[in-house]
Amino acid sequence: MDPTALLRPGLLADTVIALGGGGPFAPSLGALGATAATLPQTLDEQAASEHVRGALAAHGAIDALVHDLRPAFGSGGVEGLRATLDGAWVTVRAIANAAWIERGRPGRVTLVAPAPAPAAPDPHAEAIRGAAENMARTLSIEWSRFGVRAVAITPGPRTTDGELAALAAYLASPAGDYFSGARLSLGEVTVTPSPA
């Protein structure tokens, strides 16, 4: 799916979106007019703060953060789980503090979780999906007084990067003001057998 086929051209003009986690969203968001500030992955809080301050110096402001948890998870396991969640928290906190809370500006956080394993459930991937939802809900409460909104996206097994980019763009747009503390699940169908 091409986000520009779904959303109007220029929707994100004058919007600076920080991209954490190394996801593939820069071209799609840029096609809608956003300026993407890609942040390197780090678990070091001081390095994360320096990267954010560099992005602020280059762009003047950061309006939203789209943090892709999928690349850090890598091959999974406990180490992938820990690296994913620690990296997300370090990045989210660095952006929120420097770009929004200290400056008295509102902001938006979108967390993109990994898809479920198609064959058998991966407990570590499911833990990240639950943690992303929990982080979004908690931050939406804790940081609401600062005007910071947080949402988690949990893709389905066949969700494409284009679909994720379209939803991330929508959430970064003015329409995203209506969402905070939510988990937006894509492509997940539950079939309940009818009683015989």
C-alpha atoms as a PDB file:
ATOM      1  CA  MET A   1       0.000   0.000   0.000  1.00  0.00           C
ATOM      2  CA  ASP A   2       1.226   3.459  -0.929  1.00  0.00           C
ATOM      3  CA  PRO A   3       0.347   5.950   1.845  1.00  0.00           C
ATOM      4  CA  THR A   4       0.042   8.741  -0.744  1.00  0.00           C
ATOM      5  CA  ALA A   5      -2.842   6.855  -2.361  1.00  0.00           C
ATOM      6  CA  LEU A   6      -4.700   6.929   0.951  1.00  0.00           C
ATOM      7  CA  LEU A   7      -3.761  10.296   2.444  1.00  0.00           C
ATOM      8  CA  ARG A   8      -3.758  13.719   0.815  1.00  0.00           C
ATOM      9  CA  PRO A   9      -0.506  15.138  -0.582  1.00  0.00           C
ATOM     10  CA  GLY A  10       1.185  17.574   1.776  1.00  0.00           C
ATOM     11  CA  LEU A  11      -0.665  16.204   4.821  1.00  0.00           C
ATOM     12  CA  LEU A  12       2.548  16.267   6.858  1.00  0.00           C
ATOM     13  CA  ALA A  13       4.039  19.483   5.445  1.00  0.00           C
ATOM     14  CA  ASP A  14       5.983  21.384   8.122  1.00  0.00           C
ATOM     15  CA  THR A  15       5.974  18.274  10.345  1.00  0.00           C
ATOM     16  CA  VAL A  16       9.259  16.881  11.662  1.00  0.00           C
ATOM     17  CA  ILE A  17       9.074  13.205  12.540  1.00  0.00           C
ATOM     18  CA  ALA A  18      11.898  11.503  14.403  1.00  0.00           C
ATOM     19  CA  LEU A  19      12.389   7.903  13.346  1.00  0.00           C
ATOM     20  CA  GLY A  20      13.726   5.616  16.036  1.00  0.00           C
ATOM     21  CA  GLY A  21      14.635   1.975  15.777  1.00  0.00           C
ATOM     22  CA  GLY A  22      15.767   2.024  12.156  1.00  0.00           C
ATOM     23  CA  GLY A  23      12.433   1.362  10.479  1.00  0.00           C
ATOM     24  CA  PRO A  24      11.690   1.886   6.772  1.00  0.00           C
ATOM     25  CA  PHE A  25       9.216   4.766   7.056  1.00  0.00           C
ATOM     26  CA  ALA A  26      11.244   7.806   5.916  1.00  0.00           C
ATOM     27  CA  PRO A  27      10.359   7.640   2.183  1.00  0.00           C
ATOM     28  CA  SER A  28       6.621   7.195   2.802  1.00  0.00           C
ATOM     29  CA  LEU A  29       6.431   9.976   5.385  1.00  0.00           C
ATOM     30  CA  GLY A  30       8.568  12.226   3.187  1.00  0.00           C
ATOM     31  CA  ALA A  31       6.209  11.641   0.253  1.00  0.00           C
ATOM     32  CA  LEU A  32       3.463  13.187   2.399  1.00  0.00           C
ATOM     33  CA  GLY A  33       5.608  16.245   3.136  1.00  0.00           C
ATOM     34  CA  ALA A  34       7.210  15.286   6.461  1.00  0.00           C
ATOM     35  CA  THR A  35      10.823  15.927   7.295  1.00  0.00           C
ATOM     36  CA  ALA A  36      12.310  12.735   8.709  1.00  0.00           C
ATOM     37  CA  ALA A  37      15.012  12.891  11.375  1.00  0.00           C
ATOM     38  CA  THR A  38      16.449   9.392  11.603  1.00  0.00           C
ATOM     39  CA  LEU A  39      17.961   8.574  14.990  1.00  0.00           C
ATOM     40  CA  PRO A  40      20.567   5.829  15.406  1.00  0.00           C
ATOM     41  CA  GLN A  41      19.794   2.938  17.705  1.00  0.00           C
ATOM     42  CA  THR A  42      21.444   3.238  21.080  1.00  0.00           C
ATOM     43  CA  LEU A  43      20.988   1.988  24.611  1.00  0.00           C
ATOM     44  CA  ASP A  44      23.109   4.844  25.973  1.00  0.00           C
ATOM     45  CA  GLU A  45      20.962   7.623  27.432  1.00  0.00           C
ATOM     46  CA  GLN A  46      23.590  10.321  26.983  1.00  0.00           C
ATOM     47  CA  ALA A  47      24.143   9.364  23.340  1.00  0.00           C
ATOM     48  CA  ALA A  48      20.379   9.351  22.723  1.00  0.00           C
ATOM     49  CA  SER A  49      20.066  12.841  24.217  1.00  0.00           C
ATOM     50  CA  GLU A  50      22.918  14.095  22.018  1.00  0.00           C
ATOM     51  CA  HIS A  51      21.289  12.627  18.889  1.00  0.00           C
ATOM     52  CA  VAL A  52      17.980  14.271  19.775  1.00  0.00           C
ATOM     53  CA  ARG A  53      19.624  17.632  20.442  1.00  0.00           C
ATOM     54  CA  GLY A  54      21.392  17.336  17.092  1.00  0.00           C
ATOM     55  CA  ALA A  55      18.066  16.679  15.358  1.00  0.00           C
ATOM     56  CA  LEU A  56      16.538  19.659  17.141  1.00  0.00           C
ATOM     57  CA  ALA A  57      19.429  21.879  16.077  1.00  0.00           C
ATOM     58  CA  ALA A  58      19.049  20.710  12.474  1.00  0.00           C
ATOM     59  CA  HIS A  59      15.260  20.944  12.244  1.00  0.00           C
ATOM     60  CA  GLY A  60      14.196  23.396  14.959  1.00  0.00           C
ATOM     61  CA  ALA A  61      11.538  21.098  16.390  1.00  0.00           C
ATOM     62  CA  ILE A  62      10.348  17.498  16.497  1.00  0.00           C
ATOM     63  CA  ASP A  63       6.597  17.014  16.253  1.00  0.00           C
ATOM     64  CA  ALA A  64       6.351  13.228  16.458  1.00  0.00           C
ATOM     65  CA  LEU A  65       8.346  10.076  17.051  1.00  0.00           C
ATOM     66  CA  VAL A  66       7.715   6.856  15.160  1.00  0.00           C
ATOM     67  CA  HIS A  67       9.743   4.165  16.896  1.00  0.00           C
ATOM     68  CA  ASP A  68       9.967   0.836  15.085  1.00  0.00           C
ATOM     69  CA  LEU A  69      10.588  -1.963  17.590  1.00  0.00           C
ATOM     70  CA  ARG A  70      11.012  -4.615  14.882  1.00  0.00           C
ATOM     71  CA  PRO A  71      14.695  -4.139  13.864  1.00  0.00           C
ATOM     72  CA  ALA A  72      16.085  -4.240  17.421  1.00  0.00           C
ATOM     73  CA  PHE A  73      14.188  -7.444  18.133  1.00  0.00           C
ATOM     74  CA  GLY A  74      16.251  -9.140  15.416  1.00  0.00           C
ATOM     75  CA  SER A  75      16.325 -12.882  15.862  1.00  0.00           C
ATOM     76  CA  GLY A  76      14.358 -12.627  19.083  1.00  0.00           C
ATOM     77  CA  GLY A  77      14.945 -14.292  22.398  1.00  0.00           C
ATOM     78  CA  VAL A  78      15.464 -12.678  25.758  1.00  0.00           C
ATOM     79  CA  GLU A  79      18.347 -10.518  24.508  1.00  0.00           C
ATOM     80  CA  GLY A  80      16.249  -9.231  21.594  1.00  0.00           C
ATOM     81  CA  LEU A  81      13.402  -8.499  23.970  1.00  0.00           C
ATOM     82  CA  ARG A  82      15.618  -6.573  26.362  1.00  0.00           C
ATOM     83  CA  ALA A  83      17.413  -4.602  23.625  1.00  0.00           C
ATOM     84  CA  THR A  84      14.111  -3.703  21.960  1.00  0.00           C
ATOM     85  CA  LEU A  85      12.367  -2.415  25.055  1.00  0.00           C
ATOM     86  CA  ASP A  86      15.399  -0.673  26.549  1.00  0.00           C
ATOM     87  CA  GLY A  87      16.178   1.031  23.225  1.00  0.00           C
ATOM     88  CA  ALA A  88      12.594   2.174  22.806  1.00  0.00           C
ATOM     89  CA  TRP A  89      12.444   3.644  26.308  1.00  0.00           C
ATOM     90  CA  VAL A  90      15.786   5.449  25.940  1.00  0.00           C
ATOM     91  CA  THR A  91      14.683   7.007  22.639  1.00  0.00           C
ATOM     92  CA  VAL A  92      11.146   7.907  23.745  1.00  0.00           C
ATOM     93  CA  ARG A  93      12.386   9.555  26.928  1.00  0.00           C
ATOM     94  CA  ALA A  94      15.153  11.499  25.143  1.00  0.00           C
ATOM     95  CA  ILE A  95      12.678  12.871  22.574  1.00  0.00           C
ATOM     96  CA  ALA A  96       9.960  13.663  25.107  1.00  0.00           C
ATOM     97  CA  ASN A  97      12.280  15.478  27.481  1.00  0.00           C
ATOM     98  CA  ALA A  98      14.271  17.525  24.967  1.00  0.00           C
ATOM     99  CA  ALA A  99      11.691  18.186  22.250  1.00  0.00           C
ATOM    100  CA  TRP A 100       8.422  18.460  24.147  1.00  0.00           C
ATOM    101  CA  ILE A 101       8.488  18.631  27.945  1.00  0.00           C
ATOM    102  CA  GLU A 102      11.425  21.063  28.300  1.00  0.00           C
ATOM    103  CA  ARG A 103      10.057  23.251  25.481  1.00  0.00           C
ATOM    104  CA  GLY A 104       6.414  23.163  26.561  1.00  0.00           C
ATOM    105  CA  ARG A 105       5.357  21.660  23.215  1.00  0.00           C
ATOM    106  CA  PRO A 106       2.959  18.786  22.556  1.00  0.00           C
ATOM    107  CA  GLY A 107       4.195  15.636  20.846  1.00  0.00           C
ATOM    108  CA  ARG A 108       3.154  12.242  19.557  1.00  0.00           C
ATOM    109  CA  VAL A 109       4.726   8.834  20.034  1.00  0.00           C
ATOM    110  CA  THR A 110       3.902   5.883  17.795  1.00  0.00           C
ATOM    111  CA  LEU A 111       5.393   2.514  18.736  1.00  0.00           C
ATOM    112  CA  VAL A 112       5.434  -0.126  15.988  1.00  0.00           C
ATOM    113  CA  ALA A 113       5.609  -3.638  17.461  1.00  0.00           C
ATOM    114  CA  PRO A 114       6.735  -6.808  15.677  1.00  0.00           C
ATOM    115  CA  ALA A 115       4.159  -8.981  13.943  1.00  0.00           C
ATOM    116  CA  PRO A 116       3.164 -12.276  15.517  1.00  0.00           C
ATOM    117  CA  ALA A 117       4.938 -15.371  14.282  1.00  0.00           C
ATOM    118  CA  PRO A 118       2.814 -16.963  11.536  1.00  0.00           C
ATOM    119  CA  ALA A 119       3.295 -20.600  12.595  1.00  0.00           C
ATOM    120  CA  ALA A 120       3.496 -20.678  16.377  1.00  0.00           C
ATOM    121  CA  PRO A 121       3.346 -17.837  18.895  1.00  0.00           C
ATOM    122  CA  ASP A 122       6.731 -16.418  19.879  1.00  0.00           C
ATOM    123  CA  PRO A 123       6.474 -15.522  23.575  1.00  0.00           C
ATOM    124  CA  HIS A 124       9.169 -12.845  23.272  1.00  0.00           C
ATOM    125  CA  ALA A 125       7.454 -11.124  20.331  1.00  0.00           C
ATOM    126  CA  GLU A 126       4.144 -11.300  22.189  1.00  0.00           C
ATOM    127  CA  ALA A 127       5.840  -9.753  25.237  1.00  0.00           C
ATOM    128  CA  ILE A 128       7.047  -6.840  23.102  1.00  0.00           C
ATOM    129  CA  ARG A 129       3.569  -6.381  21.632  1.00  0.00           C
ATOM    130  CA  GLY A 130       2.089  -6.248  25.128  1.00  0.00           C
ATOM    131  CA  ALA A 131       4.870  -3.977  26.383  1.00  0.00           C
ATOM    132  CA  ALA A 132       4.330  -1.528  23.498  1.00  0.00           C
ATOM    133  CA  GLU A 133       0.645  -1.318  24.358  1.00  0.00           C
ATOM    134  CA  ASN A 134       1.426  -0.906  28.059  1.00  0.00           C
ATOM    135  CA  MET A 135       4.005   1.812  27.356  1.00  0.00           C
ATOM    136  CA  ALA A 136       1.538   3.715  25.158  1.00  0.00           C
ATOM    137  CA  ARG A 137      -1.206   3.504  27.783  1.00  0.00           C
ATOM    138  CA  THR A 138       1.076   4.508  30.654  1.00  0.00           C
ATOM    139  CA  LEU A 139       2.723   7.395  28.796  1.00  0.00           C
ATOM    140  CA  SER A 140      -0.647   8.678  27.626  1.00  0.00           C
ATOM    141  CA  ILE A 141      -1.611   9.079  31.271  1.00  0.00           C
ATOM    142  CA  GLU A 142       1.728  10.176  32.735  1.00  0.00           C
ATOM    143  CA  TRP A 143       2.547  12.699  29.993  1.00  0.00           C
ATOM    144  CA  SER A 144      -0.952  13.919  29.131  1.00  0.00           C
ATOM    145  CA  ARG A 145      -0.310  17.037  31.228  1.00  0.00           C
ATOM    146  CA  PHE A 146       2.497  17.864  28.757  1.00  0.00           C
ATOM    147  CA  GLY A 147       0.314  17.279  25.698  1.00  0.00           C
ATOM    148  CA  VAL A 148       2.146  14.087  24.718  1.00  0.00           C
ATOM    149  CA  ARG A 149       0.049  11.366  23.082  1.00  0.00           C
ATOM    150  CA  ALA A 150       1.222   7.780  22.668  1.00  0.00           C
ATOM    151  CA  VAL A 151      -0.143   4.931  20.541  1.00  0.00           C
ATOM    152  CA  ALA A 152       1.032   1.376  19.847  1.00  0.00           C
ATOM    153  CA  ILE A 153       0.563  -0.308  16.478  1.00  0.00           C
ATOM    154  CA  THR A 154       0.569  -4.099  16.465  1.00  0.00           C
ATOM    155  CA  PRO A 155       0.741  -5.445  12.911  1.00  0.00           C
ATOM    156  CA  GLY A 156      -0.770  -8.709  11.818  1.00  0.00           C
ATOM    157  CA  PRO A 157       1.264 -11.470  10.163  1.00  0.00           C
ATOM    158  CA  ARG A 158       0.635 -10.070   6.670  1.00  0.00           C
ATOM    159  CA  THR A 159       0.704  -6.331   7.429  1.00  0.00           C
ATOM    160  CA  THR A 160       2.972  -4.469   4.982  1.00  0.00           C
ATOM    161  CA  ASP A 161       5.411  -1.649   5.692  1.00  0.00           C
ATOM    162  CA  GLY A 162       3.216   0.564   3.496  1.00  0.00           C
ATOM    163  CA  GLU A 163       0.199  -0.078   5.698  1.00  0.00           C
ATOM    164  CA  LEU A 164       2.250   0.692   8.801  1.00  0.00           C
ATOM    165  CA  ALA A 165       3.603   3.890   7.218  1.00  0.00           C
ATOM    166  CA  ALA A 166       0.080   5.015   6.261  1.00  0.00           C
ATOM    167  CA  LEU A 167      -1.159   4.526   9.818  1.00  0.00           C
ATOM    168  CA  ALA A 168       1.928   6.208  11.307  1.00  0.00           C
ATOM    169  CA  ALA A 169       1.380   9.181   8.964  1.00  0.00           C
ATOM    170  CA  TYR A 170      -2.288   9.387   9.934  1.00  0.00           C
ATOM    171  CA  LEU A 171      -1.337   9.388  13.626  1.00  0.00           C
ATOM    172  CA  ALA A 172       1.249  12.151  13.032  1.00  0.00           C
ATOM    173  CA  SER A 173      -1.361  14.272  11.231  1.00  0.00           C
ATOM    174  CA  PRO A 174      -3.915  16.527  12.960  1.00  0.00           C
ATOM    175  CA  ALA A 175      -6.348  13.584  12.925  1.00  0.00           C
ATOM    176  CA  GLY A 176      -3.980  11.820  15.334  1.00  0.00           C
ATOM    177  CA  ASP A 177      -5.125  14.185  18.075  1.00  0.00           C
ATOM    178  CA  TYR A 178      -8.010  11.815  18.696  1.00  0.00           C
ATOM    179  CA  PHE A 179      -5.801   8.867  19.657  1.00  0.00           C
ATOM    180  CA  SER A 180      -3.789   8.331  22.820  1.00  0.00           C
ATOM    181  CA  GLY A 181      -3.199   5.318  25.008  1.00  0.00           C
ATOM    182  CA  ALA A 182      -4.547   3.030  22.309  1.00  0.00           C
ATOM    183  CA  ARG A 183      -3.365  -0.162  20.665  1.00  0.00           C
ATOM    184  CA  LEU A 184      -4.227  -0.249  16.978  1.00  0.00           C
ATOM    185  CA  SER A 185      -4.166  -3.869  15.838  1.00  0.00           C
ATOM    186  CA  LEU A 186      -3.869  -4.560  12.119  1.00  0.00           C
ATOM    187  CA  GLY A 187      -4.805  -7.704  10.280  1.00  0.00           C
ATOM    188  CA  GLU A 188      -5.635  -9.755  13.333  1.00  0.00           C
ATOM    189  CA  VAL A 189      -8.673 -11.913  12.848  1.00  0.00           C
ATOM    190  CA  THR A 190      -9.987 -14.134  15.592  1.00  0.00           C
ATOM    191  CA  VAL A 191     -12.334 -16.897  14.557  1.00  0.00           C
ATOM    192  CA  THR A 192     -14.572 -18.223  17.291  1.00  0.00           C
ATOM    193  CA  PRO A 193     -16.260 -21.511  16.454  1.00  0.00           C
ATOM    194  CA  SER A 194     -20.007 -21.396  16.782  1.00  0.00           C
ATOM    195  CA  PRO A 195     -21.558 -23.739  19.327  1.00  0.00           C
ATOM    196  CA  ALA A 196     -22.768 -26.986  17.812  1.00  0.00           C
END
